[in-house]
N, C-alpha and C. Protein backbone atom coordinates (compact mmCIF):
# COMPACT_ATOMS: atom_id res chain seq x y z
N MET A 1 10.18 -4.13 31.67
CA MET A 1 9.65 -2.91 31.52
C MET A 1 8.36 -2.43 30.80
N PRO A 2 7.18 -1.89 31.50
CA PRO A 2 6.40 -1.81 30.77
C PRO A 2 6.80 -0.79 29.40
N GLN A 3 5.58 -1.04 28.20
CA GLN A 3 6.07 -0.11 27.19
C GLN A 3 5.62 1.09 27.06
N GLU A 4 6.24 1.92 26.79
CA GLU A 4 5.34 3.17 26.55
C GLU A 4 4.34 3.51 25.60
N PRO A 5 3.30 3.94 25.86
CA PRO A 5 2.05 4.24 25.10
C PRO A 5 2.65 4.84 23.41
N ALA A 6 1.99 4.51 22.85
CA ALA A 6 2.62 5.05 21.65
C ALA A 6 2.14 6.86 21.43
N ARG A 7 2.96 7.53 20.99
CA ARG A 7 2.23 9.26 20.80
C ARG A 7 1.08 9.58 19.90
N ARG A 8 0.13 10.21 20.79
CA ARG A 8 -1.22 10.54 19.34
C ARG A 8 -0.73 11.51 18.59
N ARG A 9 -1.16 10.94 17.44
CA ARG A 9 -0.92 11.66 16.37
C ARG A 9 -1.67 13.19 16.33
N THR A 10 -0.80 14.06 16.33
CA THR A 10 -1.85 15.78 16.61
C THR A 10 -1.70 16.30 15.30
N ARG A 11 -2.68 17.35 15.24
CA ARG A 11 -3.38 18.08 14.03
C ARG A 11 -1.98 18.57 13.17
N ARG A 12 -1.12 19.09 14.03
CA ARG A 12 0.70 19.46 13.41
C ARG A 12 0.94 18.08 12.56
N ASP A 13 0.80 17.05 13.00
CA ASP A 13 1.49 15.99 12.67
C ASP A 13 0.26 15.43 11.12
N VAL A 14 -0.29 15.66 11.23
CA VAL A 14 -1.52 15.27 10.46
C VAL A 14 -1.12 16.31 8.83
N ALA A 15 -1.11 17.59 9.52
CA ALA A 15 -1.18 18.65 8.33
C ALA A 15 0.53 18.35 7.96
N ALA A 16 1.40 17.98 8.31
CA ALA A 16 3.00 18.33 7.79
C ALA A 16 2.86 16.55 6.97
N GLU A 17 2.23 15.51 7.52
CA GLU A 17 2.07 14.39 6.21
C GLU A 17 1.61 14.89 4.84
N ALA A 18 0.27 15.59 5.01
CA ALA A 18 -0.62 16.02 3.99
C ALA A 18 0.26 17.27 2.89
N THR A 19 1.41 17.63 3.58
CA THR A 19 2.16 18.65 3.09
C THR A 19 2.98 17.58 2.38
N ARG A 20 4.08 17.07 2.90
CA ARG A 20 4.84 15.91 2.61
C ARG A 20 4.12 15.41 1.59
N ASP A 21 3.08 14.93 1.58
CA ASP A 21 2.52 14.17 0.55
C ASP A 21 2.28 14.93 -1.14
N GLU A 22 1.87 15.92 -0.63
CA GLU A 22 1.59 17.19 -1.84
C GLU A 22 2.85 17.45 -2.49
N VAL A 23 4.03 17.78 -1.71
CA VAL A 23 5.25 17.82 -2.13
C VAL A 23 5.70 16.66 -2.92
N LEU A 24 5.68 15.66 -2.74
CA LEU A 24 6.20 14.50 -3.36
C LEU A 24 5.35 14.25 -4.74
N ARG A 25 3.91 14.41 -4.59
CA ARG A 25 3.26 14.14 -5.52
C ARG A 25 3.38 15.20 -6.54
N ALA A 26 3.67 16.44 -6.95
CA ALA A 26 4.07 17.44 -7.14
C ALA A 26 5.48 17.33 -7.90
N ALA A 27 6.39 16.77 -7.03
CA ALA A 27 7.85 16.12 -7.89
C ALA A 27 7.52 14.90 -8.65
N ARG A 28 6.38 14.28 -8.31
CA ARG A 28 6.52 13.31 -9.14
C ARG A 28 5.82 13.40 -10.80
N ARG A 29 5.03 14.30 -10.56
CA ARG A 29 4.02 14.63 -11.73
C ARG A 29 5.24 15.43 -12.72
N LEU A 30 6.39 16.76 -12.14
CA LEU A 30 7.15 17.20 -12.81
C LEU A 30 8.20 16.62 -13.49
N PHE A 31 8.45 15.26 -12.62
CA PHE A 31 9.67 14.67 -13.01
C PHE A 31 9.21 13.70 -14.49
N ALA A 32 8.04 13.09 -14.30
CA ALA A 32 7.29 12.62 -15.37
C ALA A 32 7.29 13.27 -16.24
N GLU A 33 7.06 14.25 -16.25
CA GLU A 33 6.69 15.65 -17.24
C GLU A 33 7.87 16.35 -17.94
N GLN A 34 8.92 16.83 -17.39
CA GLN A 34 10.14 17.28 -17.83
C GLN A 34 11.15 16.39 -17.63
N GLY A 35 11.13 15.53 -16.79
CA GLY A 35 12.51 14.90 -16.68
C GLY A 35 13.06 14.96 -15.03
N TYR A 36 13.84 15.01 -14.23
CA TYR A 36 14.35 15.11 -13.13
C TYR A 36 15.37 15.97 -13.63
N ALA A 37 16.27 15.77 -14.31
CA ALA A 37 17.37 16.88 -14.62
C ALA A 37 17.11 18.30 -14.98
N ALA A 38 15.60 18.22 -15.68
CA ALA A 38 15.06 19.70 -15.81
C ALA A 38 14.32 20.16 -14.59
N THR A 39 14.20 19.55 -13.52
CA THR A 39 12.85 20.14 -12.66
C THR A 39 13.78 20.98 -11.63
N THR A 40 13.81 21.64 -10.97
CA THR A 40 14.36 22.76 -9.98
C THR A 40 13.65 22.22 -8.74
N VAL A 41 13.98 22.20 -7.79
CA VAL A 41 13.45 22.39 -6.17
C VAL A 41 12.03 24.02 -6.21
N GLY A 42 12.41 24.49 -6.83
CA GLY A 42 11.68 25.94 -7.22
C GLY A 42 10.34 25.43 -7.83
N GLN A 43 10.64 24.79 -8.91
CA GLN A 43 9.47 24.56 -9.74
C GLN A 43 8.76 23.87 -8.83
N VAL A 44 8.71 22.74 -8.19
CA VAL A 44 8.38 22.01 -7.51
C VAL A 44 7.23 22.04 -6.09
N ALA A 45 8.24 23.33 -5.78
CA ALA A 45 7.64 24.42 -4.46
C ALA A 45 6.42 24.84 -5.30
N SER A 46 6.48 25.36 -6.29
CA SER A 46 5.69 26.28 -6.91
C SER A 46 4.13 25.21 -7.10
N GLU A 47 4.36 24.42 -8.06
CA GLU A 47 3.58 23.00 -8.26
C GLU A 47 2.66 22.67 -6.90
N ALA A 48 3.24 22.76 -6.07
CA ALA A 48 2.53 21.99 -4.89
C ALA A 48 2.26 23.00 -3.77
N GLY A 49 2.13 24.19 -4.05
CA GLY A 49 1.90 25.48 -3.48
C GLY A 49 2.25 26.14 -2.46
N VAL A 50 3.56 25.71 -2.17
CA VAL A 50 4.37 26.21 -0.95
C VAL A 50 5.27 26.86 -1.32
N ALA A 51 6.29 26.88 -0.09
CA ALA A 51 7.76 27.82 -0.56
C ALA A 51 8.45 27.05 -0.50
N VAL A 52 9.86 27.43 -1.17
CA VAL A 52 10.66 26.19 -1.42
C VAL A 52 11.35 25.76 -0.23
N GLN A 53 11.49 26.90 1.25
CA GLN A 53 11.90 25.82 2.48
C GLN A 53 11.03 24.91 3.18
N THR A 54 9.71 24.67 2.44
CA THR A 54 8.90 23.70 2.94
C THR A 54 9.09 22.24 2.02
N VAL A 55 9.74 22.90 1.15
CA VAL A 55 10.15 21.28 0.82
C VAL A 55 11.00 20.87 1.13
N TYR A 56 12.17 21.08 1.25
CA TYR A 56 13.42 21.23 2.50
C TYR A 56 13.11 20.55 3.59
N SER A 57 11.95 21.44 4.09
CA SER A 57 11.77 21.00 5.69
C SER A 57 10.84 19.47 5.59
N SER A 58 9.86 19.41 4.74
CA SER A 58 8.96 18.53 4.59
C SER A 58 10.05 17.24 4.33
N VAL A 59 10.77 16.90 2.80
CA VAL A 59 11.05 16.36 2.34
C VAL A 59 12.85 16.35 2.26
N GLY A 60 13.12 17.33 1.60
CA GLY A 60 14.76 17.59 1.55
C GLY A 60 15.04 18.01 0.56
N SER A 61 16.21 17.90 -0.28
CA SER A 61 16.86 18.15 -1.33
C SER A 61 16.26 17.39 -2.05
N LYS A 62 16.46 17.70 -3.62
CA LYS A 62 16.11 17.18 -4.70
C LYS A 62 16.24 15.94 -4.72
N ALA A 63 17.70 15.24 -3.97
CA ALA A 63 17.96 13.66 -4.35
C ALA A 63 17.06 13.51 -3.06
N ALA A 64 16.86 13.88 -2.37
CA ALA A 64 15.73 13.20 -1.18
C ALA A 64 14.33 13.25 -1.69
N LEU A 65 14.18 14.00 -2.58
CA LEU A 65 12.53 13.96 -3.26
C LEU A 65 12.85 12.90 -4.16
N VAL A 66 13.80 12.23 -5.13
CA VAL A 66 13.61 11.59 -5.73
C VAL A 66 13.57 9.94 -5.06
N LEU A 67 14.57 10.10 -3.92
CA LEU A 67 14.60 8.77 -3.24
C LEU A 67 13.42 8.39 -2.53
N ALA A 68 12.84 9.16 -1.95
CA ALA A 68 11.28 9.07 -1.19
C ALA A 68 9.91 8.91 -2.18
N LEU A 69 10.37 9.10 -3.83
CA LEU A 69 9.30 9.11 -4.56
C LEU A 69 8.83 7.26 -4.71
N ASN A 70 10.24 6.58 -3.83
CA ASN A 70 9.67 5.23 -4.13
C ASN A 70 8.50 4.84 -2.98
N ASP A 71 8.41 5.47 -2.08
CA ASP A 71 7.29 5.40 -1.11
C ASP A 71 6.18 5.89 -1.72
N LEU A 72 5.98 6.44 -2.53
CA LEU A 72 4.92 7.07 -2.78
C LEU A 72 4.32 6.08 -4.16
N ILE A 73 5.42 5.70 -5.04
CA ILE A 73 5.05 4.93 -6.03
C ILE A 73 4.57 3.26 -5.54
N ASP A 74 5.12 2.92 -4.24
CA ASP A 74 4.50 1.78 -3.50
C ASP A 74 3.37 2.10 -3.15
N ALA A 75 2.86 3.27 -2.56
CA ALA A 75 1.38 3.58 -2.14
C ALA A 75 0.36 3.73 -3.21
N GLU A 76 0.69 4.21 -4.46
CA GLU A 76 0.12 4.61 -5.31
C GLU A 76 -0.32 2.59 -5.61
N SER A 77 0.54 1.99 -5.67
CA SER A 77 0.05 0.48 -6.47
C SER A 77 -0.17 -0.10 -5.37
N GLY A 78 -0.55 -0.07 -4.43
CA GLY A 78 -1.10 -0.91 -3.12
C GLY A 78 -0.37 -2.07 -2.85
N VAL A 79 1.19 -1.44 -2.49
CA VAL A 79 1.80 -3.02 -2.50
C VAL A 79 2.22 -3.10 -0.61
N PRO A 80 1.78 -1.93 0.34
CA PRO A 80 1.79 -2.52 1.70
C PRO A 80 0.68 -3.41 1.92
N GLU A 81 -0.54 -3.28 1.40
CA GLU A 81 -1.71 -3.87 1.31
C GLU A 81 -1.88 -5.47 0.72
N ALA A 82 -0.83 -5.52 -0.62
CA ALA A 82 -0.59 -6.40 -1.32
C ALA A 82 0.04 -7.28 -0.53
N ALA A 83 0.93 -6.97 -0.13
CA ALA A 83 2.20 -7.70 0.87
C ALA A 83 1.52 -8.53 1.67
N ALA A 84 0.67 -7.89 2.33
CA ALA A 84 0.14 -8.67 3.90
C ALA A 84 -0.52 -9.40 3.59
N SER A 85 -2.00 -9.42 2.10
CA SER A 85 -2.57 -10.27 1.97
C SER A 85 -1.97 -11.66 1.46
N MET A 86 -0.57 -11.22 0.26
CA MET A 86 -0.02 -12.53 -0.22
C MET A 86 0.80 -13.41 0.80
N ALA A 87 1.38 -12.88 2.41
CA ALA A 87 2.13 -13.29 2.87
C ALA A 87 1.39 -14.52 4.08
N THR A 88 0.15 -14.00 3.81
CA THR A 88 -1.07 -15.50 4.30
C THR A 88 -1.39 -16.17 3.22
N ALA A 89 -1.46 -16.01 2.05
CA ALA A 89 -2.45 -16.87 1.01
C ALA A 89 -2.17 -18.22 0.93
N SER A 90 -2.62 -19.33 0.42
CA SER A 90 -2.37 -20.65 0.48
C SER A 90 -2.56 -21.33 -0.57
N ASP A 91 -3.16 -20.27 -1.75
CA ASP A 91 -3.31 -21.59 -3.22
C ASP A 91 -1.93 -20.55 -3.78
N PRO A 92 -1.18 -21.53 -4.13
CA PRO A 92 0.22 -21.53 -4.97
C PRO A 92 -0.16 -20.35 -6.58
N VAL A 93 -1.09 -21.27 -7.08
CA VAL A 93 -1.58 -20.19 -8.28
C VAL A 93 -2.33 -19.02 -8.17
N ALA A 94 -2.98 -18.40 -6.82
CA ALA A 94 -3.83 -17.58 -6.78
C ALA A 94 -2.80 -16.24 -5.91
N LEU A 95 -1.62 -16.81 -5.57
CA LEU A 95 0.05 -16.04 -4.79
C LEU A 95 0.08 -15.68 -6.08
N ILE A 96 0.71 -16.67 -7.14
CA ILE A 96 1.06 -16.05 -7.97
C ILE A 96 0.78 -15.08 -9.04
N ARG A 97 -0.68 -15.10 -8.84
CA ARG A 97 -1.76 -14.28 -9.76
C ARG A 97 -1.52 -13.39 -9.00
N ALA A 98 -1.68 -13.00 -7.84
CA ALA A 98 -1.50 -11.61 -6.68
C ALA A 98 -0.35 -11.35 -7.13
N GLY A 99 0.53 -11.77 -7.34
CA GLY A 99 2.45 -11.09 -7.31
C GLY A 99 2.28 -10.37 -8.58
N VAL A 100 1.53 -11.22 -9.72
CA VAL A 100 1.75 -10.30 -10.69
C VAL A 100 1.25 -9.16 -11.01
N HIS A 101 -0.07 -9.32 -10.59
CA HIS A 101 -0.98 -8.13 -10.74
C HIS A 101 -0.64 -7.13 -9.80
N LEU A 102 0.01 -7.09 -8.48
CA LEU A 102 0.77 -6.15 -7.92
C LEU A 102 1.80 -5.57 -8.97
N THR A 103 2.62 -6.16 -9.50
CA THR A 103 3.47 -5.59 -10.42
C THR A 103 2.78 -4.75 -11.75
N ARG A 104 1.77 -5.36 -12.25
CA ARG A 104 1.09 -4.87 -13.22
C ARG A 104 0.34 -3.29 -12.48
N LEU A 105 0.08 -3.32 -11.41
CA LEU A 105 -0.61 -2.02 -11.27
C LEU A 105 0.66 -1.55 -10.94
N LEU A 106 1.97 -1.41 -10.35
CA LEU A 106 2.65 -0.69 -10.50
C LEU A 106 3.23 -0.03 -11.68
N ASN A 107 3.22 -0.76 -13.09
CA ASN A 107 3.82 -0.44 -13.86
C ASN A 107 2.53 0.20 -14.58
N GLU A 108 1.18 0.38 -14.80
CA GLU A 108 0.16 0.47 -14.91
C GLU A 108 0.17 2.16 -14.41
N ARG A 109 0.49 2.02 -13.34
CA ARG A 109 0.23 3.44 -12.40
C ARG A 109 0.81 4.27 -12.71
N CYS A 110 2.29 3.72 -12.32
CA CYS A 110 3.75 4.24 -12.23
C CYS A 110 4.65 4.67 -13.21
N GLY A 111 4.23 3.30 -14.19
CA GLY A 111 4.94 3.18 -15.33
C GLY A 111 5.44 4.69 -15.89
N ASP A 112 5.33 5.72 -16.04
CA ASP A 112 5.81 6.75 -16.42
C ASP A 112 6.81 7.70 -15.79
N ILE A 113 6.69 7.49 -14.46
CA ILE A 113 7.88 7.83 -13.58
C ILE A 113 8.86 7.00 -13.50
N VAL A 114 8.65 5.69 -13.57
CA VAL A 114 9.66 4.67 -13.42
C VAL A 114 10.46 4.66 -15.15
N GLN A 115 9.79 4.82 -15.61
CA GLN A 115 10.46 4.82 -16.84
C GLN A 115 11.40 6.22 -17.29
N VAL A 116 10.55 7.40 -16.43
CA VAL A 116 11.74 8.51 -16.77
C VAL A 116 12.65 7.82 -15.46
N LEU A 117 12.67 7.52 -14.36
CA LEU A 117 13.70 7.38 -14.03
C LEU A 117 15.11 6.38 -14.46
N LEU A 118 14.61 5.36 -14.59
CA LEU A 118 15.42 4.04 -15.38
C LEU A 118 16.29 4.94 -16.78
N ALA A 119 15.55 5.76 -17.39
CA ALA A 119 16.66 6.59 -18.43
C ALA A 119 16.94 7.14 -17.74
N ALA A 120 17.27 7.82 -16.70
CA ALA A 120 18.18 9.32 -15.77
C ALA A 120 18.85 8.79 -15.37
N ALA A 121 19.14 7.51 -14.96
CA ALA A 121 20.10 6.59 -14.05
C ALA A 121 21.17 6.41 -14.60
N PRO A 122 21.64 6.17 -15.40
CA PRO A 122 22.70 6.11 -16.20
C PRO A 122 23.67 7.35 -15.77
N SER A 123 23.04 8.83 -15.93
CA SER A 123 23.57 9.64 -15.53
C SER A 123 23.67 10.75 -14.94
N ASP A 124 22.73 10.03 -13.79
CA ASP A 124 22.53 10.96 -12.41
C ASP A 124 22.55 9.77 -11.11
N ALA A 125 23.80 10.32 -10.20
CA ALA A 125 23.52 9.37 -9.42
C ALA A 125 22.94 9.37 -8.57
N ASP A 126 22.30 10.59 -8.26
CA ASP A 126 21.08 10.91 -7.22
C ASP A 126 19.83 9.57 -7.52
N VAL A 127 19.45 9.95 -8.98
CA VAL A 127 18.61 8.89 -9.48
C VAL A 127 19.15 7.44 -9.09
N ALA A 128 20.35 7.38 -9.76
CA ALA A 128 20.54 5.81 -9.50
C ALA A 128 20.47 4.89 -8.41
N THR A 129 20.53 6.16 -7.41
CA THR A 129 20.82 5.61 -6.38
C THR A 129 18.90 4.99 -5.43
N SER A 130 18.11 5.81 -6.52
CA SER A 130 16.51 5.60 -5.89
C SER A 130 16.30 4.50 -6.95
N VAL A 131 16.85 4.33 -8.03
CA VAL A 131 16.38 3.35 -8.77
C VAL A 131 16.86 1.75 -8.40
N ARG A 132 18.22 1.97 -7.45
CA ARG A 132 18.60 0.69 -7.14
C ARG A 132 17.54 0.33 -5.77
N ASP A 133 16.98 1.35 -4.95
CA ASP A 133 16.31 0.78 -4.08
C ASP A 133 15.02 0.30 -4.68
N GLY A 134 14.27 1.27 -5.66
CA GLY A 134 13.36 0.60 -5.94
C GLY A 134 13.60 -1.28 -6.68
N MET A 135 14.65 -1.23 -7.12
CA MET A 135 14.76 -2.75 -7.87
C MET A 135 15.06 -2.96 -6.59
N ARG A 136 15.55 -2.66 -5.33
CA ARG A 136 15.84 -3.76 -4.01
C ARG A 136 14.25 -4.31 -3.94
N ARG A 137 13.38 -3.21 -3.74
CA ARG A 137 12.16 -3.31 -3.22
C ARG A 137 11.47 -4.54 -3.90
N HIS A 138 11.54 -4.56 -5.17
CA HIS A 138 10.92 -5.43 -6.39
C HIS A 138 11.43 -6.48 -5.75
N GLN A 139 12.66 -7.06 -5.77
CA GLN A 139 13.35 -8.27 -5.75
C GLN A 139 13.23 -8.69 -4.42
N GLU A 140 12.75 -7.69 -3.65
CA GLU A 140 12.33 -8.14 -2.00
C GLU A 140 10.89 -8.88 -2.03
N GLY A 141 10.46 -8.10 -2.70
CA GLY A 141 8.81 -8.63 -3.13
C GLY A 141 9.01 -10.30 -3.74
N ALA A 142 9.66 -10.28 -4.78
CA ALA A 142 9.85 -11.38 -5.23
C ALA A 142 10.36 -12.46 -4.67
N THR A 143 11.46 -12.42 -3.63
CA THR A 143 11.86 -13.30 -2.70
C THR A 143 10.52 -13.73 -2.11
N GLN A 144 9.82 -12.63 -0.82
CA GLN A 144 8.77 -12.88 -0.12
C GLN A 144 8.27 -13.98 -0.41
N LEU A 145 7.73 -13.87 -2.03
CA LEU A 145 6.57 -14.63 -3.01
C LEU A 145 7.22 -15.93 -3.14
N ALA A 146 8.15 -16.13 -3.14
CA ALA A 146 9.07 -17.56 -3.65
C ALA A 146 8.84 -18.18 -2.46
N GLY A 147 9.27 -17.43 -1.63
CA GLY A 147 9.51 -18.19 0.32
C GLY A 147 8.09 -18.67 0.69
N ARG A 148 7.34 -18.12 -0.11
CA ARG A 148 5.72 -18.72 0.49
C ARG A 148 5.35 -19.47 -0.20
N LEU A 149 6.05 -19.34 -1.51
CA LEU A 149 5.52 -21.02 -2.13
C LEU A 149 6.58 -22.38 -1.38
N ALA A 150 7.47 -22.11 -1.17
CA ALA A 150 8.07 -22.81 -0.76
C ALA A 150 7.71 -23.55 0.72
N GLU A 151 7.40 -22.23 1.52
CA GLU A 151 6.68 -23.04 2.79
C GLU A 151 5.49 -23.56 2.67
N LEU A 152 4.73 -23.30 0.85
CA LEU A 152 3.71 -24.24 1.01
C LEU A 152 3.97 -25.94 0.44
N GLY A 153 5.10 -26.01 -0.24
CA GLY A 153 5.85 -27.12 -0.77
C GLY A 153 5.25 -26.61 -2.33
N ALA A 154 5.18 -26.01 -2.72
CA ALA A 154 4.48 -25.91 -3.85
C ALA A 154 5.21 -25.55 -5.18
N LEU A 155 6.72 -25.32 -4.85
CA LEU A 155 7.28 -25.49 -5.94
C LEU A 155 7.60 -26.86 -6.69
N ARG A 156 8.34 -26.58 -7.91
CA ARG A 156 8.47 -27.90 -8.69
C ARG A 156 9.73 -28.50 -8.51
N ASP A 157 9.87 -29.65 -7.99
CA ASP A 157 11.00 -30.43 -7.64
C ASP A 157 12.23 -29.73 -8.50
N GLY A 158 13.21 -29.94 -7.71
CA GLY A 158 14.91 -29.33 -8.76
C GLY A 158 14.80 -27.45 -8.38
N THR A 159 13.40 -26.99 -8.27
CA THR A 159 13.59 -25.43 -8.10
C THR A 159 13.36 -24.72 -6.85
N SER A 160 14.51 -24.20 -6.65
CA SER A 160 14.51 -23.65 -5.58
C SER A 160 14.18 -22.17 -5.14
N ALA A 161 14.19 -21.90 -3.92
CA ALA A 161 13.18 -20.41 -3.53
C ALA A 161 13.90 -19.63 -4.30
N GLU A 162 15.45 -19.83 -4.44
CA GLU A 162 16.17 -18.33 -4.88
C GLU A 162 15.83 -18.46 -6.27
N GLN A 163 15.98 -19.84 -6.73
CA GLN A 163 15.50 -19.51 -8.17
C GLN A 163 14.17 -19.22 -8.72
N ALA A 164 12.97 -19.28 -7.77
CA ALA A 164 11.83 -18.82 -8.17
C ALA A 164 11.97 -17.63 -8.20
N ALA A 165 12.68 -16.97 -6.84
CA ALA A 165 12.56 -15.53 -6.69
C ALA A 165 12.99 -15.12 -7.56
N ALA A 166 14.29 -15.04 -8.55
CA ALA A 166 15.54 -14.83 -9.94
C ALA A 166 13.98 -14.59 -11.00
N SER A 167 13.21 -15.87 -11.18
CA SER A 167 12.94 -15.92 -12.26
C SER A 167 11.20 -15.06 -11.79
N PHE A 168 10.85 -14.91 -10.83
CA PHE A 168 9.92 -14.00 -10.56
C PHE A 168 10.11 -12.52 -10.80
N GLY A 169 11.35 -12.43 -10.54
CA GLY A 169 12.03 -10.71 -10.37
C GLY A 169 12.42 -10.31 -11.75
N VAL A 170 12.74 -11.36 -12.42
CA VAL A 170 13.43 -10.96 -14.44
C VAL A 170 11.77 -10.64 -15.02
N LEU A 171 11.21 -11.79 -14.79
CA LEU A 171 10.27 -11.82 -15.44
C LEU A 171 8.63 -10.10 -15.37
N THR A 172 8.62 -9.97 -14.20
CA THR A 172 7.89 -8.94 -14.05
C THR A 172 8.08 -7.37 -13.47
N SER A 173 9.84 -7.80 -13.98
CA SER A 173 10.39 -6.28 -13.69
C SER A 173 10.25 -5.13 -14.54
N PRO A 174 10.21 -4.04 -14.52
CA PRO A 174 9.70 -2.50 -15.25
C PRO A 174 9.98 -3.12 -16.56
N ALA A 175 11.14 -3.69 -17.16
CA ALA A 175 12.09 -3.89 -18.03
C ALA A 175 11.43 -5.24 -19.13
N GLY A 176 10.78 -5.83 -18.22
CA GLY A 176 9.45 -7.07 -18.84
C GLY A 176 8.49 -6.17 -19.21
N TRP A 177 7.85 -5.49 -18.25
CA TRP A 177 6.93 -4.99 -18.43
C TRP A 177 6.84 -4.21 -19.58
N SER A 178 7.73 -3.51 -19.75
CA SER A 178 8.17 -2.53 -20.57
C SER A 178 7.84 -3.08 -22.39
N GLN A 179 8.95 -4.68 -22.13
CA GLN A 179 8.97 -4.89 -23.35
C GLN A 179 7.62 -5.60 -23.91
N LEU A 180 6.73 -6.05 -22.70
CA LEU A 180 5.01 -6.59 -23.32
C LEU A 180 4.60 -5.59 -23.32
N THR A 181 4.31 -4.39 -22.93
CA THR A 181 3.28 -3.64 -23.10
C THR A 181 3.97 -2.30 -24.09
N GLN A 182 4.74 -2.02 -24.32
CA GLN A 182 4.95 -0.71 -25.03
C GLN A 182 5.92 -1.45 -26.69
N ASP A 183 7.24 -2.31 -26.47
CA ASP A 183 7.59 -2.70 -27.16
C ASP A 183 6.88 -3.80 -28.28
N SER A 184 5.94 -4.76 -27.76
CA SER A 184 4.96 -5.74 -28.09
C SER A 184 3.88 -5.20 -28.56
N GLY A 185 3.26 -4.18 -27.80
CA GLY A 185 2.18 -3.63 -27.93
C GLY A 185 0.86 -4.04 -27.71
N TRP A 186 1.51 -5.26 -25.89
CA TRP A 186 -0.07 -5.96 -25.32
C TRP A 186 -0.73 -4.97 -24.71
N SER A 187 -1.62 -5.01 -24.44
CA SER A 187 -2.37 -4.58 -23.25
C SER A 187 -1.83 -5.14 -22.56
N PHE A 188 -2.06 -4.28 -20.74
CA PHE A 188 -1.73 -4.57 -19.56
C PHE A 188 -2.68 -6.44 -19.24
N GLU A 189 -3.41 -6.10 -19.58
CA GLU A 189 -4.77 -7.36 -19.02
C GLU A 189 -3.93 -8.61 -19.96
N GLN A 190 -3.35 -8.62 -21.41
CA GLN A 190 -2.62 -9.69 -21.63
C GLN A 190 -1.64 -10.08 -20.94
N ALA A 191 -0.72 -9.05 -20.76
CA ALA A 191 0.56 -9.35 -20.26
C ALA A 191 0.28 -9.89 -19.18
N GLU A 192 -0.65 -9.29 -18.17
CA GLU A 192 -0.68 -10.09 -16.98
C GLU A 192 -1.16 -11.76 -17.37
N ASP A 193 -2.05 -11.90 -17.89
CA ASP A 193 -2.18 -13.58 -18.24
C ASP A 193 -1.46 -13.84 -18.39
N TRP A 194 -0.30 -13.91 -19.37
CA TRP A 194 0.45 -14.50 -20.36
C TRP A 194 1.82 -14.38 -18.91
N LEU A 195 2.08 -13.49 -17.94
CA LEU A 195 3.15 -14.18 -17.01
C LEU A 195 2.44 -14.45 -15.92
N VAL A 196 0.99 -14.78 -15.53
CA VAL A 196 0.81 -15.92 -14.62
C VAL A 196 0.78 -17.02 -15.12
N GLN A 197 0.49 -17.43 -16.30
CA GLN A 197 0.73 -18.49 -16.95
C GLN A 197 1.95 -19.25 -17.18
N SER A 198 2.68 -18.31 -17.49
CA SER A 198 4.22 -18.67 -17.62
C SER A 198 4.66 -18.81 -16.45
N LEU A 199 4.50 -17.98 -15.32
CA LEU A 199 5.31 -18.05 -13.82
C LEU A 199 4.64 -19.52 -13.24
N THR A 200 3.24 -19.48 -13.85
CA THR A 200 2.59 -20.87 -13.08
C THR A 200 3.43 -22.10 -13.59
N ARG A 201 3.88 -22.05 -15.01
CA ARG A 201 4.33 -23.45 -15.54
C ARG A 201 5.81 -23.56 -15.20
N LEU A 202 6.39 -22.23 -14.87
CA LEU A 202 7.55 -22.43 -14.52
C LEU A 202 7.85 -23.21 -13.56
N LEU A 203 7.32 -22.53 -12.52
CA LEU A 203 7.44 -22.55 -11.09
C LEU A 203 6.67 -24.04 -10.54
N LEU A 204 5.43 -24.30 -10.89
CA LEU A 204 4.98 -24.93 -10.24
C LEU A 204 4.24 -26.48 -10.61
N PRO A 205 4.55 -27.63 -9.99
CA PRO A 205 4.33 -28.90 -10.67
C PRO A 205 3.46 -29.01 -11.75
């Protein structure tokens, strides 16, 4: 059967997407500034300049807001574009560098909200769900990068794609970036260079 043509986006669609984006950005600002528990849906609505009902109709409950933040974090970090580029990369070192740089952007641009969510997760089930989803996305990215290295035949002898994914996932996790840039006082550039060098030595011949 012939495939039905995609429905054209209307002005209403565009306006709805813009409203949803503004609501999420308002929630992101407030969660980062005053914490998840202390932020109400009413405050998010006021920050976004919309009615409370608009928050519910455009995104959903407070639990839906915190879960949807992962899409905003990905967008702010350039995840979709970077993932598409890395899927076709042919230089193993450049691939590792691109993967590390992506995690740098995520932590440099969104580390404030990421750290707030990580701190709140142990005491809030909704935040914990969001954090698990975020970490799942992170590990999926590591798995895709390691799989591409394996396709290129670039992994060190005795290193499986699974081991490479685990190594990349751990070293470039939010906890890893926090330890390097906050606890150790490194700049993001220093941390990025060290991670690229370390992962290259660890994963490649």
